[in-house]
Every structure is written in C-alpha cells, then in structure tokens.
Amino acid sequence: MVVYKEMRAKGMNLNNVLYNTLLSMCADIGFVDEAVELLDDMKSCTDYKPDS
C-alpha cells in the first residue's frame, strides 16, 4: 500500500482498473484494513466508484 499512497501523494492519475486491482490484491493476501481504507478512498472519489 506504500506504492498506492505515494502515487496519490504525487498526484498520479488513478483509475478504476488500478483501484480494483489493488482491492483484489488486498483480498488475496488478507490485508483487510488496507482494503477497507482503499475502498473508502475509492468511494470518496468523484471520478471512480467500486464495481460492486
């Protein structure tokens, strides 16, 4: 999740594919807290929303 936070800090363009890939990765390796944080960030974004 360090990479994700660094990308946000640098103002990089984050898209739905990136968010969903990171959510999937968090689910696969059991990073529940990070997944919840990522999902909350995604929900607060005006451009992208979770797929499901």
C-alpha atoms as a PDB file:
ATOM      1  CA  MET A   1       0.000   0.000   0.000  1.00  0.00           C
ATOM      2  CA  VAL A   2       3.034   2.232   0.193  1.00  0.00           C
ATOM      3  CA  VAL A   3       3.066   2.491  -3.584  1.00  0.00           C
ATOM      4  CA  TYR A   4      -0.613   3.499  -3.654  1.00  0.00           C
ATOM      5  CA  LYS A   5      -0.082   6.215  -1.038  1.00  0.00           C
ATOM      6  CA  GLU A   6       2.969   7.505  -2.913  1.00  0.00           C
ATOM      7  CA  MET A   7       1.017   7.615  -6.188  1.00  0.00           C
ATOM      8  CA  ARG A   8      -1.766   9.635  -4.528  1.00  0.00           C
ATOM      9  CA  ALA A   9       0.748  11.970  -2.911  1.00  0.00           C
ATOM     10  CA  LYS A  10       2.376  12.657  -6.288  1.00  0.00           C
ATOM     11  CA  GLY A  11      -0.998  13.338  -7.896  1.00  0.00           C
ATOM     12  CA  MET A  12      -0.815  10.474 -10.363  1.00  0.00           C
ATOM     13  CA  ASN A  13      -3.885   9.566 -12.371  1.00  0.00           C
ATOM     14  CA  LEU A  14      -5.606   6.681 -10.586  1.00  0.00           C
ATOM     15  CA  ASN A  15      -8.293   4.784 -12.443  1.00  0.00           C
ATOM     16  CA  ASN A  16     -10.907   2.118 -11.854  1.00  0.00           C
ATOM     17  CA  VAL A  17      -8.624  -0.675 -13.067  1.00  0.00           C
ATOM     18  CA  LEU A  18      -5.906   0.302 -10.588  1.00  0.00           C
ATOM     19  CA  TYR A  19      -8.354   0.554  -7.689  1.00  0.00           C
ATOM     20  CA  ASN A  20      -9.930  -2.817  -8.475  1.00  0.00           C
ATOM     21  CA  THR A  21      -6.531  -4.476  -8.924  1.00  0.00           C
ATOM     22  CA  LEU A  22      -5.367  -3.171  -5.559  1.00  0.00           C
ATOM     23  CA  LEU A  23      -8.605  -4.256  -3.882  1.00  0.00           C
ATOM     24  CA  SER A  24      -8.216  -7.727  -5.363  1.00  0.00           C
ATOM     25  CA  MET A  25      -4.615  -7.926  -4.201  1.00  0.00           C
ATOM     26  CA  CYS A  26      -5.589  -6.890  -0.673  1.00  0.00           C
ATOM     27  CA  ALA A  27      -8.317  -9.536  -0.608  1.00  0.00           C
ATOM     28  CA  ASP A  28      -5.961 -12.237  -1.912  1.00  0.00           C
ATOM     29  CA  ILE A  29      -3.297 -11.667   0.726  1.00  0.00           C
ATOM     30  CA  GLY A  30      -5.618 -10.842   3.618  1.00  0.00           C
ATOM     31  CA  PHE A  31      -4.907  -7.122   4.064  1.00  0.00           C
ATOM     32  CA  VAL A  32      -8.386  -6.324   5.353  1.00  0.00           C
ATOM     33  CA  ASP A  33      -7.575  -2.962   6.955  1.00  0.00           C
ATOM     34  CA  GLU A  34      -5.802  -1.762   3.828  1.00  0.00           C
ATOM     35  CA  ALA A  35      -8.687  -2.939   1.641  1.00  0.00           C
ATOM     36  CA  VAL A  36     -11.184  -1.021   3.776  1.00  0.00           C
ATOM     37  CA  GLU A  37      -9.018   2.109   3.585  1.00  0.00           C
ATOM     38  CA  LEU A  38      -8.695   1.741  -0.185  1.00  0.00           C
ATOM     39  CA  LEU A  39     -12.428   1.175  -0.605  1.00  0.00           C
ATOM     40  CA  ASP A  40     -13.185   4.284   1.471  1.00  0.00           C
ATOM     41  CA  ASP A  41     -10.774   6.306  -0.691  1.00  0.00           C
ATOM     42  CA  MET A  42     -12.440   4.967  -3.817  1.00  0.00           C
ATOM     43  CA  LYS A  43     -15.933   5.773  -2.529  1.00  0.00           C
ATOM     44  CA  SER A  44     -14.895   9.354  -1.780  1.00  0.00           C
ATOM     45  CA  CYS A  45     -13.501   9.841  -5.292  1.00  0.00           C
ATOM     46  CA  THR A  46     -15.814  11.722  -7.628  1.00  0.00           C
ATOM     47  CA  ASP A  47     -14.461  10.067 -10.795  1.00  0.00           C
ATOM     48  CA  TYR A  48     -14.407   6.380  -9.860  1.00  0.00           C
ATOM     49  CA  LYS A  49     -16.731   4.108  -7.941  1.00  0.00           C
ATOM     50  CA  PRO A  50     -16.325   0.471  -6.902  1.00  0.00           C
ATOM     51  CA  ASP A  51     -17.647  -2.100  -9.376  1.00  0.00           C
ATOM     52  CA  SER A  52     -19.505  -3.982  -6.687  1.00  0.00           C
END
